[in-house]
Amino acid sequence: MAIEIERKFEVLGDLWRQEVGRTIEMRQGYLGTEGGRASVRVRIQGDQARLNIKAAVVGATRAEYDYPIPLADGQEILDALSVGGLHKRRHLIERDGVVWEVDEFLGDNAGLVVAEVELDSADQALVRPSWLGRELTDDRRYYNHYLALHPYRTWSDADRD
């Protein structure tokens, strides 16, 4: 079984921008609503499309399966079958032996910036950059599937705390 070990954090300020090595534009959509045992998504980045299936659990460790699909199929699935979508820029930052993925959301989720890091083990030591805020790993509101169905711009100030 493929396992993803990932932690998620809010991003503070703009200092992280000085460390960006590469930026990738992404569109993604989900093929089902919340409440199931898995989230199924299609993602387009550049000239590639991928089908991704993740266990619908909150936390750092969960099952994940990821497969390339033809770009035309990915675009058709996004346009015709997805129930919620996201548009974001993923900025890659290499530091202290890990790659940070800083997602700068666009469209209905504009204003939200979240950093994720994939780890080799759940207890791997992590050096936190100064631009990281609170950890969001256990807060389902900051998972992409939730954001696709409940855009950040619709949240009240109380929802953002």
N, C-alpha and C. Protein backbone atom coordinates (compact mmCIF):
# COMPACT_ATOMS: atom_id res chain seq x y z
N MET A 1 0.84 -1.19 0.00
CA MET A 1 0.00 0.00 0.00
C MET A 1 0.88 1.24 0.00
N ALA A 2 0.53 2.21 -0.82
CA ALA A 2 1.24 3.49 -0.87
C ALA A 2 0.79 4.36 0.31
N ILE A 3 1.74 4.90 1.04
CA ILE A 3 1.44 5.73 2.20
C ILE A 3 2.05 7.11 2.01
N GLU A 4 1.27 8.12 2.31
CA GLU A 4 1.76 9.50 2.31
C GLU A 4 1.89 9.93 3.76
N ILE A 5 3.04 10.50 4.10
CA ILE A 5 3.25 11.09 5.42
C ILE A 5 3.53 12.57 5.17
N GLU A 6 2.58 13.41 5.55
CA GLU A 6 2.65 14.82 5.19
C GLU A 6 2.15 15.66 6.35
N ARG A 7 2.87 16.76 6.60
CA ARG A 7 2.42 17.74 7.59
C ARG A 7 2.13 19.05 6.87
N LYS A 8 1.19 19.79 7.42
CA LYS A 8 0.67 21.00 6.77
C LYS A 8 0.71 22.14 7.79
N PHE A 9 1.09 23.35 7.31
CA PHE A 9 1.23 24.52 8.19
C PHE A 9 0.71 25.77 7.49
N GLU A 10 0.28 26.75 8.29
CA GLU A 10 -0.03 28.05 7.71
C GLU A 10 1.30 28.75 7.43
N VAL A 11 1.27 29.67 6.47
CA VAL A 11 2.46 30.43 6.09
C VAL A 11 2.26 31.88 6.51
N LEU A 12 3.28 32.43 7.16
CA LEU A 12 3.23 33.81 7.64
C LEU A 12 4.09 34.70 6.75
N GLY A 13 3.56 35.84 6.36
CA GLY A 13 4.34 36.82 5.61
C GLY A 13 4.79 36.34 4.25
N ASP A 14 5.82 37.01 3.72
CA ASP A 14 6.32 36.74 2.37
C ASP A 14 7.79 36.34 2.33
N LEU A 15 8.44 36.15 3.48
CA LEU A 15 9.86 35.80 3.47
C LEU A 15 10.15 34.51 2.72
N TRP A 16 9.22 33.59 2.68
CA TRP A 16 9.39 32.32 1.99
C TRP A 16 9.67 32.52 0.51
N ARG A 17 9.16 33.60 -0.06
CA ARG A 17 9.31 33.85 -1.51
C ARG A 17 10.78 33.93 -1.92
N GLN A 18 11.64 34.38 -1.02
CA GLN A 18 13.07 34.51 -1.32
C GLN A 18 13.74 33.15 -1.53
N GLU A 19 13.10 32.08 -1.07
CA GLU A 19 13.70 30.75 -1.12
C GLU A 19 13.15 29.86 -2.24
N VAL A 20 12.18 30.34 -3.00
CA VAL A 20 11.51 29.52 -4.01
C VAL A 20 12.49 29.13 -5.11
N GLY A 21 12.53 27.82 -5.39
CA GLY A 21 13.37 27.32 -6.47
C GLY A 21 12.62 27.14 -7.77
N ARG A 22 11.33 26.80 -7.65
CA ARG A 22 10.51 26.53 -8.84
C ARG A 22 9.05 26.71 -8.49
N THR A 23 8.24 27.12 -9.46
CA THR A 23 6.81 27.32 -9.25
C THR A 23 6.04 26.55 -10.32
N ILE A 24 4.97 25.88 -9.90
CA ILE A 24 4.14 25.09 -10.80
C ILE A 24 2.69 25.55 -10.64
N GLU A 25 2.03 25.84 -11.74
CA GLU A 25 0.60 26.19 -11.71
C GLU A 25 -0.22 24.91 -11.77
N MET A 26 -1.27 24.83 -10.95
CA MET A 26 -2.09 23.61 -10.87
C MET A 26 -3.57 23.95 -10.87
N ARG A 27 -4.32 23.07 -11.54
CA ARG A 27 -5.79 23.04 -11.45
C ARG A 27 -6.16 21.64 -11.02
N GLN A 28 -7.10 21.53 -10.13
CA GLN A 28 -7.53 20.20 -9.72
C GLN A 28 -9.00 20.21 -9.36
N GLY A 29 -9.62 19.06 -9.52
CA GLY A 29 -11.03 18.91 -9.21
C GLY A 29 -11.29 17.56 -8.59
N TYR A 30 -12.36 17.47 -7.85
CA TYR A 30 -12.71 16.25 -7.10
C TYR A 30 -13.93 15.59 -7.71
N LEU A 31 -13.96 14.27 -7.63
CA LEU A 31 -15.02 13.49 -8.27
C LEU A 31 -16.09 13.03 -7.29
N GLY A 32 -16.08 13.56 -6.11
CA GLY A 32 -17.11 13.22 -5.13
C GLY A 32 -17.13 14.25 -4.02
N THR A 33 -18.21 14.25 -3.29
CA THR A 33 -18.34 15.16 -2.17
C THR A 33 -17.71 14.54 -0.93
N GLU A 34 -17.81 15.23 0.18
CA GLU A 34 -17.23 14.74 1.44
C GLU A 34 -18.06 13.59 1.99
N GLY A 35 -17.45 12.86 2.90
CA GLY A 35 -18.19 11.82 3.60
C GLY A 35 -17.86 10.40 3.18
N GLY A 36 -17.12 10.23 2.10
CA GLY A 36 -16.76 8.89 1.66
C GLY A 36 -15.49 8.40 2.34
N ARG A 37 -15.04 7.24 1.96
CA ARG A 37 -13.83 6.66 2.53
C ARG A 37 -12.57 7.15 1.83
N ALA A 38 -12.73 7.80 0.67
CA ALA A 38 -11.59 8.30 -0.08
C ALA A 38 -11.96 9.57 -0.82
N SER A 39 -10.94 10.38 -1.10
CA SER A 39 -11.12 11.49 -2.03
C SER A 39 -10.46 11.10 -3.34
N VAL A 40 -11.13 11.41 -4.43
CA VAL A 40 -10.61 11.10 -5.76
C VAL A 40 -10.51 12.42 -6.51
N ARG A 41 -9.30 12.70 -7.00
CA ARG A 41 -9.09 13.99 -7.66
C ARG A 41 -8.33 13.80 -8.96
N VAL A 42 -8.54 14.77 -9.85
CA VAL A 42 -7.76 14.88 -11.07
C VAL A 42 -7.01 16.21 -10.99
N ARG A 43 -5.73 16.16 -11.32
CA ARG A 43 -4.90 17.37 -11.27
C ARG A 43 -4.22 17.57 -12.62
N ILE A 44 -4.25 18.83 -13.08
CA ILE A 44 -3.52 19.23 -14.29
C ILE A 44 -2.40 20.15 -13.82
N GLN A 45 -1.18 19.83 -14.20
CA GLN A 45 -0.06 20.73 -13.95
C GLN A 45 0.82 20.72 -15.19
N GLY A 46 0.89 21.90 -15.81
CA GLY A 46 1.62 21.99 -17.08
C GLY A 46 0.95 21.13 -18.13
N ASP A 47 1.72 20.25 -18.76
CA ASP A 47 1.16 19.37 -19.79
C ASP A 47 0.95 17.95 -19.28
N GLN A 48 0.77 17.81 -17.97
CA GLN A 48 0.55 16.50 -17.37
C GLN A 48 -0.75 16.48 -16.58
N ALA A 49 -1.36 15.30 -16.55
CA ALA A 49 -2.57 15.09 -15.75
C ALA A 49 -2.37 13.83 -14.90
N ARG A 50 -2.95 13.85 -13.71
CA ARG A 50 -2.81 12.72 -12.80
C ARG A 50 -4.15 12.45 -12.11
N LEU A 51 -4.41 11.19 -11.86
CA LEU A 51 -5.55 10.74 -11.05
C LEU A 51 -4.99 10.35 -9.70
N ASN A 52 -5.60 10.87 -8.64
CA ASN A 52 -5.09 10.64 -7.28
C ASN A 52 -6.23 10.18 -6.39
N ILE A 53 -5.95 9.16 -5.59
CA ILE A 53 -6.92 8.63 -4.63
C ILE A 53 -6.26 8.64 -3.27
N LYS A 54 -6.90 9.29 -2.29
CA LYS A 54 -6.35 9.35 -0.93
C LYS A 54 -7.42 8.91 0.05
N ALA A 55 -6.98 8.22 1.09
CA ALA A 55 -7.90 7.88 2.18
C ALA A 55 -8.45 9.16 2.77
N ALA A 56 -9.72 9.19 3.04
CA ALA A 56 -10.38 10.39 3.58
C ALA A 56 -10.25 10.41 5.09
N VAL A 57 -9.02 10.57 5.55
CA VAL A 57 -8.76 10.69 6.98
C VAL A 57 -7.95 11.96 7.20
N VAL A 58 -8.08 12.52 8.39
CA VAL A 58 -7.33 13.70 8.76
C VAL A 58 -6.13 13.24 9.57
N GLY A 59 -4.97 13.79 9.27
CA GLY A 59 -3.76 13.44 10.00
C GLY A 59 -2.59 13.34 9.06
N ALA A 60 -1.42 13.07 9.64
CA ALA A 60 -0.17 13.09 8.87
C ALA A 60 0.01 11.87 7.97
N THR A 61 -0.61 10.74 8.30
CA THR A 61 -0.37 9.50 7.56
C THR A 61 -1.67 8.98 6.98
N ARG A 62 -1.64 8.70 5.67
CA ARG A 62 -2.82 8.12 5.03
C ARG A 62 -2.43 7.43 3.72
N ALA A 63 -3.27 6.50 3.30
CA ALA A 63 -3.04 5.79 2.05
C ALA A 63 -3.22 6.75 0.88
N GLU A 64 -2.35 6.60 -0.14
CA GLU A 64 -2.43 7.44 -1.32
C GLU A 64 -2.01 6.64 -2.55
N TYR A 65 -2.76 6.81 -3.64
CA TYR A 65 -2.45 6.18 -4.92
C TYR A 65 -2.49 7.28 -5.97
N ASP A 66 -1.50 7.30 -6.86
CA ASP A 66 -1.37 8.39 -7.81
C ASP A 66 -0.94 7.83 -9.17
N TYR A 67 -1.66 8.20 -10.23
CA TYR A 67 -1.41 7.63 -11.55
C TYR A 67 -1.46 8.69 -12.64
N PRO A 68 -0.55 8.63 -13.61
CA PRO A 68 -0.64 9.53 -14.76
C PRO A 68 -1.81 9.12 -15.64
N ILE A 69 -2.48 10.11 -16.22
CA ILE A 69 -3.55 9.86 -17.19
C ILE A 69 -3.32 10.80 -18.38
N PRO A 70 -3.90 10.51 -19.54
CA PRO A 70 -3.74 11.41 -20.68
C PRO A 70 -4.27 12.81 -20.35
N LEU A 71 -3.56 13.83 -20.81
CA LEU A 71 -3.93 15.22 -20.54
C LEU A 71 -5.35 15.52 -21.00
N ALA A 72 -5.73 15.07 -22.18
CA ALA A 72 -7.08 15.34 -22.70
C ALA A 72 -8.13 14.73 -21.78
N ASP A 73 -7.88 13.53 -21.25
CA ASP A 73 -8.82 12.91 -20.31
C ASP A 73 -8.91 13.74 -19.04
N GLY A 74 -7.77 14.18 -18.53
CA GLY A 74 -7.76 14.99 -17.31
C GLY A 74 -8.55 16.27 -17.48
N GLN A 75 -8.38 16.94 -18.61
CA GLN A 75 -9.11 18.19 -18.86
C GLN A 75 -10.61 17.93 -18.98
N GLU A 76 -10.97 16.85 -19.65
CA GLU A 76 -12.38 16.51 -19.80
C GLU A 76 -13.01 16.17 -18.45
N ILE A 77 -12.30 15.41 -17.63
CA ILE A 77 -12.82 15.06 -16.30
C ILE A 77 -13.00 16.31 -15.46
N LEU A 78 -12.02 17.22 -15.48
CA LEU A 78 -12.14 18.47 -14.72
C LEU A 78 -13.35 19.27 -15.18
N ASP A 79 -13.50 19.40 -16.47
CA ASP A 79 -14.58 20.23 -17.02
C ASP A 79 -15.96 19.60 -16.87
N ALA A 80 -16.07 18.29 -16.99
CA ALA A 80 -17.39 17.65 -17.07
C ALA A 80 -17.81 16.91 -15.80
N LEU A 81 -16.86 16.45 -14.99
CA LEU A 81 -17.23 15.55 -13.90
C LEU A 81 -16.90 16.05 -12.49
N SER A 82 -16.05 17.04 -12.36
CA SER A 82 -15.64 17.43 -11.00
C SER A 82 -16.74 18.22 -10.30
N VAL A 83 -16.84 18.00 -8.99
CA VAL A 83 -17.86 18.67 -8.18
C VAL A 83 -17.29 19.88 -7.43
N GLY A 84 -16.01 20.01 -7.43
CA GLY A 84 -15.37 21.15 -6.78
C GLY A 84 -13.97 21.28 -7.34
N GLY A 85 -13.48 22.50 -7.44
CA GLY A 85 -12.17 22.67 -8.03
C GLY A 85 -11.30 23.66 -7.29
N LEU A 86 -10.01 23.59 -7.59
CA LEU A 86 -9.01 24.49 -7.02
C LEU A 86 -8.08 24.96 -8.12
N HIS A 87 -7.56 26.15 -7.92
CA HIS A 87 -6.50 26.67 -8.78
C HIS A 87 -5.46 27.23 -7.82
N LYS A 88 -4.19 26.84 -8.01
CA LYS A 88 -3.15 27.29 -7.10
C LYS A 88 -1.79 27.29 -7.79
N ARG A 89 -0.87 28.01 -7.16
CA ARG A 89 0.54 27.96 -7.56
C ARG A 89 1.27 27.23 -6.45
N ARG A 90 2.03 26.21 -6.83
CA ARG A 90 2.84 25.47 -5.86
C ARG A 90 4.28 25.93 -6.02
N HIS A 91 4.82 26.48 -4.95
CA HIS A 91 6.20 26.96 -4.92
C HIS A 91 7.03 25.93 -4.16
N LEU A 92 8.13 25.48 -4.77
CA LEU A 92 8.98 24.46 -4.17
C LEU A 92 10.20 25.11 -3.54
N ILE A 93 10.44 24.74 -2.28
CA ILE A 93 11.56 25.27 -1.51
C ILE A 93 12.33 24.11 -0.90
N GLU A 94 13.59 23.98 -1.26
CA GLU A 94 14.44 22.94 -0.66
C GLU A 94 15.24 23.57 0.46
N ARG A 95 15.11 22.96 1.67
CA ARG A 95 15.90 23.44 2.80
C ARG A 95 15.93 22.37 3.88
N ASP A 96 17.07 22.26 4.54
CA ASP A 96 17.25 21.33 5.66
C ASP A 96 16.88 19.89 5.30
N GLY A 97 17.17 19.48 4.07
CA GLY A 97 16.97 18.09 3.67
C GLY A 97 15.56 17.70 3.29
N VAL A 98 14.64 18.66 3.20
CA VAL A 98 13.27 18.36 2.78
C VAL A 98 12.84 19.38 1.72
N VAL A 99 11.77 19.04 1.01
CA VAL A 99 11.19 19.96 0.04
C VAL A 99 9.86 20.46 0.59
N TRP A 100 9.79 21.76 0.80
CA TRP A 100 8.54 22.39 1.23
C TRP A 100 7.75 22.75 -0.02
N GLU A 101 6.46 22.43 0.00
CA GLU A 101 5.54 22.82 -1.06
C GLU A 101 4.64 23.91 -0.50
N VAL A 102 4.87 25.13 -0.95
CA VAL A 102 4.07 26.26 -0.48
C VAL A 102 2.98 26.50 -1.53
N ASP A 103 1.74 26.25 -1.13
CA ASP A 103 0.60 26.41 -2.04
C ASP A 103 -0.02 27.78 -1.83
N GLU A 104 0.02 28.58 -2.88
CA GLU A 104 -0.59 29.90 -2.90
C GLU A 104 -1.88 29.76 -3.71
N PHE A 105 -3.01 29.78 -3.01
CA PHE A 105 -4.29 29.52 -3.65
C PHE A 105 -4.77 30.74 -4.42
N LEU A 106 -5.47 30.48 -5.51
CA LEU A 106 -6.01 31.51 -6.39
C LEU A 106 -7.52 31.37 -6.46
N GLY A 107 -8.17 32.24 -7.21
CA GLY A 107 -9.62 32.12 -7.40
C GLY A 107 -10.38 32.24 -6.09
N ASP A 108 -11.31 31.33 -5.87
CA ASP A 108 -12.17 31.38 -4.68
C ASP A 108 -11.42 31.13 -3.38
N ASN A 109 -10.19 30.65 -3.46
CA ASN A 109 -9.39 30.42 -2.26
C ASN A 109 -8.23 31.41 -2.14
N ALA A 110 -8.27 32.49 -2.93
CA ALA A 110 -7.22 33.51 -2.89
C ALA A 110 -7.07 34.06 -1.48
N GLY A 111 -5.82 34.31 -1.11
CA GLY A 111 -5.52 34.83 0.22
C GLY A 111 -5.00 33.75 1.15
N LEU A 112 -5.20 32.51 0.80
CA LEU A 112 -4.73 31.39 1.62
C LEU A 112 -3.39 30.89 1.10
N VAL A 113 -2.42 30.76 1.99
CA VAL A 113 -1.11 30.22 1.66
C VAL A 113 -0.78 29.17 2.71
N VAL A 114 -0.52 27.95 2.25
CA VAL A 114 -0.29 26.81 3.14
C VAL A 114 0.99 26.10 2.69
N ALA A 115 1.80 25.66 3.65
CA ALA A 115 3.01 24.89 3.34
C ALA A 115 2.80 23.44 3.76
N GLU A 116 3.25 22.52 2.90
CA GLU A 116 3.20 21.09 3.19
C GLU A 116 4.59 20.53 3.03
N VAL A 117 4.87 19.48 3.79
CA VAL A 117 6.15 18.79 3.65
C VAL A 117 5.89 17.29 3.78
N GLU A 118 6.41 16.52 2.82
CA GLU A 118 6.28 15.07 2.87
C GLU A 118 7.50 14.52 3.60
N LEU A 119 7.25 13.57 4.48
CA LEU A 119 8.29 13.01 5.33
C LEU A 119 8.48 11.53 5.06
N ASP A 120 9.64 11.01 5.46
CA ASP A 120 9.92 9.59 5.31
C ASP A 120 9.31 8.76 6.42
N SER A 121 9.09 9.38 7.59
CA SER A 121 8.47 8.67 8.71
C SER A 121 7.69 9.68 9.55
N ALA A 122 6.71 9.20 10.29
CA ALA A 122 5.86 10.08 11.08
C ALA A 122 6.63 10.78 12.19
N ASP A 123 7.73 10.19 12.64
CA ASP A 123 8.50 10.79 13.73
C ASP A 123 9.77 11.50 13.24
N GLN A 124 9.86 11.75 11.94
CA GLN A 124 11.03 12.44 11.38
C GLN A 124 11.16 13.83 11.99
N ALA A 125 12.37 14.17 12.43
CA ALA A 125 12.63 15.51 12.97
C ALA A 125 12.48 16.53 11.85
N LEU A 126 11.97 17.67 12.20
CA LEU A 126 11.67 18.70 11.21
C LEU A 126 12.18 20.04 11.70
N VAL A 127 12.98 20.72 10.88
CA VAL A 127 13.43 22.07 11.18
C VAL A 127 12.40 23.01 10.58
N ARG A 128 11.74 23.79 11.45
CA ARG A 128 10.67 24.67 10.98
C ARG A 128 11.23 26.02 10.54
N PRO A 129 10.99 26.39 9.28
CA PRO A 129 11.40 27.72 8.82
C PRO A 129 10.67 28.81 9.62
N SER A 130 11.27 29.98 9.71
CA SER A 130 10.69 31.07 10.49
C SER A 130 9.36 31.54 9.93
N TRP A 131 9.09 31.27 8.66
CA TRP A 131 7.85 31.74 8.02
C TRP A 131 6.67 30.79 8.23
N LEU A 132 6.88 29.71 9.01
CA LEU A 132 5.76 28.80 9.30
C LEU A 132 4.98 29.30 10.50
N GLY A 133 3.66 29.18 10.39
CA GLY A 133 2.78 29.48 11.51
C GLY A 133 2.31 28.19 12.15
N ARG A 134 1.07 28.19 12.58
CA ARG A 134 0.53 27.03 13.30
C ARG A 134 0.40 25.82 12.39
N GLU A 135 0.46 24.66 13.01
CA GLU A 135 0.30 23.43 12.24
C GLU A 135 -1.17 23.20 11.94
N LEU A 136 -1.45 22.78 10.71
CA LEU A 136 -2.82 22.57 10.23
C LEU A 136 -3.09 21.11 9.88
N THR A 137 -2.15 20.23 10.15
CA THR A 137 -2.26 18.83 9.75
C THR A 137 -3.56 18.19 10.20
N ASP A 138 -4.01 18.51 11.38
CA ASP A 138 -5.21 17.88 11.93
C ASP A 138 -6.48 18.72 11.76
N ASP A 139 -6.42 19.73 10.90
CA ASP A 139 -7.58 20.60 10.68
C ASP A 139 -8.09 20.37 9.25
N ARG A 140 -9.17 19.62 9.11
CA ARG A 140 -9.68 19.22 7.79
C ARG A 140 -10.06 20.40 6.90
N ARG A 141 -10.32 21.56 7.48
CA ARG A 141 -10.71 22.74 6.69
C ARG A 141 -9.61 23.15 5.71
N TYR A 142 -8.38 22.79 6.01
CA TYR A 142 -7.26 23.20 5.15
C TYR A 142 -6.83 22.11 4.18
N TYR A 143 -7.59 21.04 4.09
CA TYR A 143 -7.33 20.00 3.11
C TYR A 143 -7.93 20.44 1.78
N ASN A 144 -7.26 20.13 0.69
CA ASN A 144 -7.70 20.59 -0.63
C ASN A 144 -9.12 20.17 -0.97
N HIS A 145 -9.51 18.97 -0.59
CA HIS A 145 -10.87 18.50 -0.89
C HIS A 145 -11.89 19.42 -0.22
N TYR A 146 -11.67 19.75 1.04
CA TYR A 146 -12.57 20.65 1.75
C TYR A 146 -12.59 22.03 1.08
N LEU A 147 -11.40 22.56 0.75
CA LEU A 147 -11.31 23.89 0.13
C LEU A 147 -12.00 23.94 -1.23
N ALA A 148 -11.97 22.83 -1.96
CA ALA A 148 -12.63 22.77 -3.27
C ALA A 148 -14.14 22.91 -3.13
N LEU A 149 -14.68 22.41 -2.02
CA LEU A 149 -16.13 22.44 -1.80
C LEU A 149 -16.59 23.60 -0.93
N HIS A 150 -15.67 24.14 -0.12
CA HIS A 150 -15.95 25.25 0.81
C HIS A 150 -14.85 26.29 0.66
N PRO A 151 -14.88 27.09 -0.38
CA PRO A 151 -13.78 28.02 -0.66
C PRO A 151 -13.46 28.96 0.50
N TYR A 152 -12.19 29.26 0.63
CA TYR A 152 -11.67 30.10 1.71
C TYR A 152 -12.35 31.47 1.75
N ARG A 153 -12.66 32.02 0.60
CA ARG A 153 -13.26 33.37 0.58
C ARG A 153 -14.65 33.39 1.19
N THR A 154 -15.31 32.24 1.37
CA THR A 154 -16.64 32.18 1.97
C THR A 154 -16.58 32.01 3.49
N TRP A 155 -15.37 31.79 4.03
CA TRP A 155 -15.23 31.58 5.47
C TRP A 155 -15.40 32.91 6.21
N SER A 156 -15.96 32.86 7.38
CA SER A 156 -16.01 34.03 8.24
C SER A 156 -14.65 34.15 8.93
N ASP A 157 -14.40 35.29 9.56
CA ASP A 157 -13.14 35.48 10.31
C ASP A 157 -13.00 34.43 11.41
N ALA A 158 -14.11 34.06 12.02
CA ALA A 158 -14.08 33.05 13.09
C ALA A 158 -13.67 31.68 12.54
N ASP A 159 -14.07 31.37 11.30
CA ASP A 159 -13.71 30.10 10.68
C ASP A 159 -12.21 29.99 10.44
N ARG A 160 -11.54 31.13 10.29
CA ARG A 160 -10.11 31.15 9.94
C ARG A 160 -9.22 31.00 11.16
N ASP A 161 -9.77 31.02 12.35
CA ASP A 161 -8.96 30.87 13.58
C ASP A 161 -8.76 29.42 13.94
